[in-house]
């Protein structure tokens, strides 16, 4: 049965995923109610002025624009406007849909609007998301190595720093690894893996460097937004701690089982890092909520922007 089975139709699966998301958000809210003075957190949130909101939304909006530019750099043989449109829709859907269902929007959008082969579009998504994961884990390890609230020996700090550097450098080799996997494919799936590996074919060394630079810029923007949210909540925890909190929140955001619009795990991960640094949980929660709302507002803006793109579509191989 297309899109589901007789036992679990798509509508039932969707209801289950929304129910799980509601449970996760509700559970995190109950835990926060027991452990944090929510009244104080929301009072601190109300003190964020217009400049804090405008700055946070602007930085989160720049992340969406940088993601679209990165996608255009990686996909050079598709209509630019439609690639940007698919990227904006992907970001908006990913921000609100449960169980990471929004990830499916990018390959579907690239196939429908830009005429890209669907399997190749999935390969592009895999390549970019793996690069994001390497960037987050690599930067996180480097920040752990320099953060002063973890008691690590010098040898441990050096080891962690080397691991982080290796992951960041590994971003450049991802296209090569995908092409290598295609050469070692089983004979029975040659056509399928070839279309998947086609995502890496147009990526030269210069393109890989540009894509890696844009990936770094995306997460630097998030780190700056986290610093702004913390400062607006009256916290001064240092750049390393602020950026590490944003990385932890991003990794929580990527969990397949998440809350409504990722509310709950995002805040929990962010607050855990800030509290570990010795800051009060109430102010940390106010900063986390501010950052999350700014990200959702930016996703809404890019989603609306995507709707004003030309409505014509170029149907890709998904529909053939």
Protein backbone atom coordinates (compact mmCIF):
# COMPACT_ATOMS: atom_id res chain seq x y z
CA UNK A 1 0.00 0.00 0.00
CA UNK A 2 1.60 3.29 -1.04
CA UNK A 3 2.80 5.44 1.86
CA UNK A 4 1.84 2.88 4.52
CA UNK A 5 0.36 -0.54 5.16
CA UNK A 6 -3.12 -1.88 5.72
CA UNK A 7 -2.31 -2.23 9.42
CA UNK A 8 -0.74 1.23 9.71
CA UNK A 9 -2.14 3.67 7.15
CA UNK A 10 -0.29 6.98 6.69
CA UNK A 11 -2.92 8.94 8.61
CA UNK A 12 -2.57 6.64 11.62
CA UNK A 13 1.22 6.85 11.52
CA UNK A 14 1.02 10.64 11.42
CA UNK A 15 -1.33 10.69 14.41
CA UNK A 16 1.05 8.45 16.34
CA UNK A 17 3.99 10.71 15.58
CA UNK A 18 2.09 13.81 16.70
CA UNK A 19 0.99 11.96 19.84
CA UNK A 20 4.60 11.04 20.64
CA UNK A 21 5.68 14.64 20.04
CA UNK A 22 2.94 15.89 22.38
CA UNK A 23 4.02 13.39 25.03
CA UNK A 24 7.70 14.41 24.78
CA UNK A 25 6.90 18.12 25.05
CA UNK A 26 4.47 17.48 27.91
CA UNK A 27 6.98 15.33 29.78
CA UNK A 28 9.71 17.97 29.43
CA UNK A 29 7.29 20.65 30.60
CA UNK A 30 6.41 18.64 33.72
CA UNK A 31 10.08 18.08 34.51
CA UNK A 32 10.82 21.79 34.02
CA UNK A 33 7.86 22.70 36.26
CA UNK A 34 9.31 20.53 39.02
CA UNK A 35 12.92 21.69 38.71
CA UNK A 36 12.75 25.32 37.53
CA UNK A 37 10.79 28.40 38.56
CA UNK A 38 8.92 28.80 35.27
CA UNK A 39 7.40 32.11 36.39
CA UNK A 40 10.86 33.60 36.76
CA UNK A 41 11.95 32.17 33.41
CA UNK A 42 9.02 33.73 31.56
CA UNK A 43 9.54 37.00 33.43
CA UNK A 44 13.13 37.05 32.20
CA UNK A 45 11.93 36.16 28.70
CA UNK A 46 9.62 39.18 28.74
CA UNK A 47 12.64 41.41 29.38
CA UNK A 48 14.15 40.54 25.99
CA UNK A 49 13.83 43.79 24.08
CA UNK A 50 13.07 44.42 20.40
CA UNK A 51 16.77 44.46 19.55
CA UNK A 52 17.27 40.99 21.05
CA UNK A 53 14.31 39.61 19.08
CA UNK A 54 15.35 41.32 15.84
CA UNK A 55 18.97 40.23 16.24
CA UNK A 56 18.05 36.63 17.11
CA UNK A 57 15.59 36.30 14.24
CA UNK A 58 18.06 37.93 11.86
CA UNK A 59 20.85 35.52 12.78
CA UNK A 60 18.54 32.50 12.51
CA UNK A 61 17.25 33.85 9.19
CA UNK A 62 20.82 34.12 7.95
CA UNK A 63 21.21 30.40 8.69
CA UNK A 64 18.33 29.63 6.33
CA UNK A 65 19.82 31.85 3.63
CA UNK A 66 23.26 30.26 4.06
CA UNK A 67 21.73 26.78 3.78
CA UNK A 68 20.05 27.79 0.52
CA UNK A 69 23.32 29.21 -0.84
CA UNK A 70 25.13 26.01 0.14
CA UNK A 71 22.53 23.93 -1.69
CA UNK A 72 22.91 26.11 -4.80
CA UNK A 73 26.70 25.65 -4.62
CA UNK A 74 26.36 21.87 -4.42
CA UNK A 75 23.65 21.62 -7.11
CA UNK A 76 24.80 23.68 -10.09
CA UNK A 77 22.67 22.06 -12.80
CA UNK A 78 19.19 23.00 -11.51
CA UNK A 79 17.15 26.23 -11.62
CA UNK A 80 18.52 28.48 -8.86
CA UNK A 81 15.15 29.89 -7.74
CA UNK A 82 13.62 26.43 -7.39
CA UNK A 83 16.60 25.09 -5.44
CA UNK A 84 16.27 28.02 -3.03
CA UNK A 85 12.55 27.41 -2.80
CA UNK A 86 13.06 23.74 -1.91
CA UNK A 87 15.65 24.74 0.71
CA UNK A 88 13.33 27.29 2.34
CA UNK A 89 10.42 24.83 2.41
CA UNK A 90 12.69 22.18 3.89
CA UNK A 91 13.80 24.49 6.69
CA UNK A 92 10.26 25.56 7.54
CA UNK A 93 8.90 21.99 7.55
CA UNK A 94 11.83 20.65 9.52
CA UNK A 95 11.25 23.22 12.25
CA UNK A 96 7.71 22.10 13.06
CA UNK A 97 7.09 18.52 11.87
CA UNK A 98 7.64 15.64 14.31
CA UNK A 99 9.95 12.64 13.82
CA UNK A 100 12.13 14.64 11.37
CA UNK A 101 9.48 14.23 8.67
CA UNK A 102 10.55 17.62 7.36
CA UNK A 103 13.76 16.09 6.02
CA UNK A 104 11.73 14.41 3.27
CA UNK A 105 10.70 17.83 1.96
CA UNK A 106 14.12 18.60 0.48
CA UNK A 107 14.47 15.65 -1.94
CA UNK A 108 10.78 15.83 -2.84
CA UNK A 109 11.03 19.59 -3.40
CA UNK A 110 14.19 19.28 -5.48
CA UNK A 111 12.57 16.60 -7.64
CA UNK A 112 9.26 18.43 -8.03
CA UNK A 113 10.41 22.03 -8.43
CA UNK A 114 13.96 21.74 -9.77
CA UNK A 115 13.63 18.54 -11.83
CA UNK A 116 16.44 16.78 -9.96
CA UNK A 117 16.58 12.99 -9.91
CA UNK A 118 14.95 11.96 -6.62
CA UNK A 119 17.61 9.45 -5.57
CA UNK A 120 20.33 11.97 -6.33
CA UNK A 121 18.40 14.54 -4.24
CA UNK A 122 18.38 12.08 -1.33
CA UNK A 123 22.15 11.77 -1.80
CA UNK A 124 22.50 15.55 -1.60
CA UNK A 125 20.49 15.61 1.63
CA UNK A 126 22.62 12.81 3.07
CA UNK A 127 25.84 14.60 2.08
CA UNK A 128 24.82 17.92 3.62
CA UNK A 129 23.38 16.43 6.81
CA UNK A 130 26.46 14.30 7.33
CA UNK A 131 28.55 17.43 6.90
CA UNK A 132 26.41 19.22 9.50
CA UNK A 133 26.87 16.31 11.91
CA UNK A 134 30.65 16.33 11.43
CA UNK A 135 30.67 20.10 11.97
CA UNK A 136 28.61 19.96 15.16
CA UNK A 137 30.50 17.04 16.69
CA UNK A 138 33.90 18.43 15.65
CA UNK A 139 33.18 21.92 16.95
CA UNK A 140 31.65 20.45 20.10
CA UNK A 141 34.79 18.43 20.85
CA UNK A 142 37.00 21.47 20.28
CA UNK A 143 34.86 23.54 22.63
CA UNK A 144 34.95 20.80 25.27
CA UNK A 145 38.73 20.88 24.99
CA UNK A 146 38.86 24.63 25.72
CA UNK A 147 35.88 25.03 28.09
CA UNK A 148 37.01 25.66 31.66
CA UNK A 149 34.12 23.99 33.49
CA UNK A 150 35.21 20.44 32.57
CA UNK A 151 38.00 18.92 34.63
CA UNK A 152 40.14 17.31 31.95
CA UNK A 153 43.80 16.49 31.98
CA UNK A 154 46.04 18.11 29.39
CA UNK A 155 46.35 14.81 27.56
CA UNK A 156 42.55 14.45 27.42
CA UNK A 157 42.13 17.99 26.13
CA UNK A 158 44.70 17.37 23.39
CA UNK A 159 43.04 14.07 22.43
CA UNK A 160 39.58 15.63 22.31
CA UNK A 161 40.92 18.58 20.33
CA UNK A 162 42.57 16.29 17.77
CA UNK A 163 39.32 14.32 17.41
CA UNK A 164 37.36 17.52 16.83
CA UNK A 165 39.85 18.78 14.26
CA UNK A 166 39.73 15.44 12.42
CA UNK A 167 35.93 15.56 12.21
CA UNK A 168 35.96 19.11 10.88
CA UNK A 169 38.59 18.19 8.28
CA UNK A 170 36.54 15.12 7.37
CA UNK A 171 33.81 17.36 5.91
CA UNK A 172 36.05 17.95 2.90
CA UNK A 173 36.38 14.22 2.22
CA UNK A 174 32.67 13.36 2.33
CA UNK A 175 32.11 13.65 -1.46
CA UNK A 176 35.11 11.36 -2.04
CA UNK A 177 33.75 8.81 0.46
CA UNK A 178 30.38 8.77 -1.29
CA UNK A 179 32.03 8.21 -4.66
CA UNK A 180 34.17 5.46 -3.12
CA UNK A 181 31.09 3.73 -1.75
CA UNK A 182 29.58 3.76 -5.25
CA UNK A 183 32.64 2.00 -6.67
CA UNK A 184 32.25 -0.74 -4.05
CA UNK A 185 28.52 -1.18 -4.61
CA UNK A 186 26.88 -4.62 -4.97
CA UNK A 187 26.15 -5.49 -8.59
CA UNK A 188 22.41 -5.79 -8.00
CA UNK A 189 21.98 -2.14 -6.96
CA UNK A 190 24.43 -0.52 -9.36
CA UNK A 191 21.88 1.83 -10.91
CA UNK A 192 20.42 2.95 -7.60
CA UNK A 193 23.74 3.62 -5.86
CA UNK A 194 25.04 5.34 -8.98
CA UNK A 195 22.15 7.81 -8.88
CA UNK A 196 22.72 8.31 -5.12
CA UNK A 197 26.45 8.90 -5.58
CA UNK A 198 25.71 11.39 -8.36
CA UNK A 199 25.19 13.90 -5.54
CA UNK A 200 28.98 14.00 -5.15
CA UNK A 201 29.91 13.99 -8.85
CA UNK A 202 29.77 17.79 -9.49
CA UNK A 203 31.64 18.57 -6.25
CA UNK A 204 35.19 19.66 -7.02
CA UNK A 205 37.76 20.52 -4.37
CA UNK A 206 36.85 24.19 -4.67
CA UNK A 207 33.16 23.40 -4.30
CA UNK A 208 33.87 21.19 -1.27
CA UNK A 209 35.83 24.02 0.35
CA UNK A 210 33.05 26.50 -0.36
CA UNK A 211 30.42 24.13 1.01
CA UNK A 212 32.50 23.50 4.15
CA UNK A 213 32.92 27.24 4.64
CA UNK A 214 29.18 27.79 4.33
CA UNK A 215 28.55 24.94 6.78
CA UNK A 216 30.86 26.63 9.27
CA UNK A 217 29.12 29.97 8.72
CA UNK A 218 25.71 28.39 9.39
CA UNK A 219 26.74 27.11 12.82
CA UNK A 220 28.70 30.25 13.68
CA UNK A 221 25.47 32.19 13.13
CA UNK A 222 23.69 29.88 15.57
CA UNK A 223 26.48 30.32 18.12
CA UNK A 224 26.18 34.10 17.84
CA UNK A 225 22.40 33.84 18.25
CA UNK A 226 22.93 31.75 21.40
CA UNK A 227 25.31 34.36 22.80
CA UNK A 228 22.72 37.07 22.11
CA UNK A 229 19.93 35.09 23.80
CA UNK A 230 22.09 34.46 26.87
CA UNK A 231 23.21 38.07 27.11
CA UNK A 232 19.60 39.24 26.84
CA UNK A 233 18.74 36.96 29.76
CA UNK A 234 21.48 38.58 31.84
CA UNK A 235 23.99 35.74 31.53
CA UNK A 236 27.67 36.01 30.68
CA UNK A 237 29.02 32.48 30.35
CA UNK A 238 31.69 32.94 27.70
CA UNK A 239 31.73 32.18 24.00
CA UNK A 240 32.80 28.53 24.35
CA UNK A 241 29.95 27.70 26.72
CA UNK A 242 27.35 29.57 24.67
CA UNK A 243 28.39 27.88 21.44
CA UNK A 244 28.57 24.47 23.12
CA UNK A 245 25.01 24.97 24.39
CA UNK A 246 23.84 25.81 20.86
CA UNK A 247 25.53 22.65 19.55
CA UNK A 248 23.91 20.49 22.24
CA UNK A 249 20.51 22.01 21.44
CA UNK A 250 21.03 21.40 17.69
CA UNK A 251 21.90 17.76 18.29
CA UNK A 252 18.78 17.41 20.46
CA UNK A 253 16.78 19.10 17.69
CA UNK A 254 17.98 16.38 15.30
CA UNK A 255 16.63 13.53 17.43
CA UNK A 256 14.14 11.38 15.48
CA UNK A 257 11.79 11.30 18.49
CA UNK A 258 11.19 14.88 19.50
CA UNK A 259 8.64 17.31 20.90
CA UNK A 260 6.14 19.60 19.22
CA UNK A 261 8.31 21.83 17.03
CA UNK A 262 11.16 20.24 19.05
CA UNK A 263 10.08 22.09 22.22
CA UNK A 264 11.44 20.25 25.23
CA UNK A 265 14.60 18.39 24.17
CA UNK A 266 16.04 21.57 22.56
CA UNK A 267 15.63 23.56 25.77
CA UNK A 268 16.75 20.67 28.00
CA UNK A 269 20.06 20.23 26.14
CA UNK A 270 20.73 23.98 26.06
CA UNK A 271 19.96 24.46 29.75
CA UNK A 272 22.03 21.41 30.79
CA UNK A 273 25.20 22.93 29.31
CA UNK A 274 24.57 26.40 30.73
CA UNK A 275 23.74 25.09 34.21
CA UNK A 276 26.88 22.95 34.16
CA UNK A 277 28.80 26.19 33.72
CA UNK A 278 27.25 27.47 36.97
CA UNK A 279 24.46 29.69 35.63
CA UNK A 280 20.93 29.70 37.13
CA UNK A 281 18.50 27.36 35.39
CA UNK A 282 15.73 29.98 35.16
CA UNK A 283 17.82 32.43 33.13
CA UNK A 284 19.22 29.58 31.00
CA UNK A 285 15.69 28.40 30.19
CA UNK A 286 14.62 31.94 29.25
CA UNK A 287 17.58 32.15 26.86
CA UNK A 288 16.81 28.73 25.38
CA UNK A 289 13.17 29.61 24.75
CA UNK A 290 14.18 32.93 23.18
CA UNK A 291 16.62 31.20 20.84
CA UNK A 292 14.06 28.55 19.89
CA UNK A 293 11.33 31.11 19.19
CA UNK A 294 13.73 33.12 17.04
CA UNK A 295 14.54 29.99 15.04
CA UNK A 296 10.83 29.23 14.54
CA UNK A 297 10.11 32.82 13.49
CA UNK A 298 12.94 32.67 10.94
CA UNK A 299 11.60 29.33 9.62
CA UNK A 300 8.16 30.89 9.23
CA UNK A 301 9.63 33.82 7.28
CA UNK A 302 11.53 31.55 4.89
CA UNK A 303 8.43 29.36 4.50
CA UNK A 304 6.37 32.38 3.47
CA UNK A 305 9.18 33.54 1.19
CA UNK A 306 9.15 30.16 -0.54
CA UNK A 307 5.46 30.60 -1.35
CA UNK A 308 6.15 33.71 -3.45
CA UNK A 309 8.54 31.89 -5.78
CA UNK A 310 7.24 31.13 -9.29
CA UNK A 311 4.61 28.42 -9.00
CA UNK A 312 5.61 26.43 -12.06
CA UNK A 313 7.24 23.08 -11.41
CA UNK A 314 9.70 20.92 -13.32
CA UNK A 315 8.69 17.37 -12.51
CA UNK A 316 11.68 15.19 -11.85
CA UNK A 317 12.20 11.45 -12.10
CA UNK A 318 10.18 10.89 -8.92
CA UNK A 319 7.08 11.31 -11.07
CA UNK A 320 8.22 9.28 -14.07
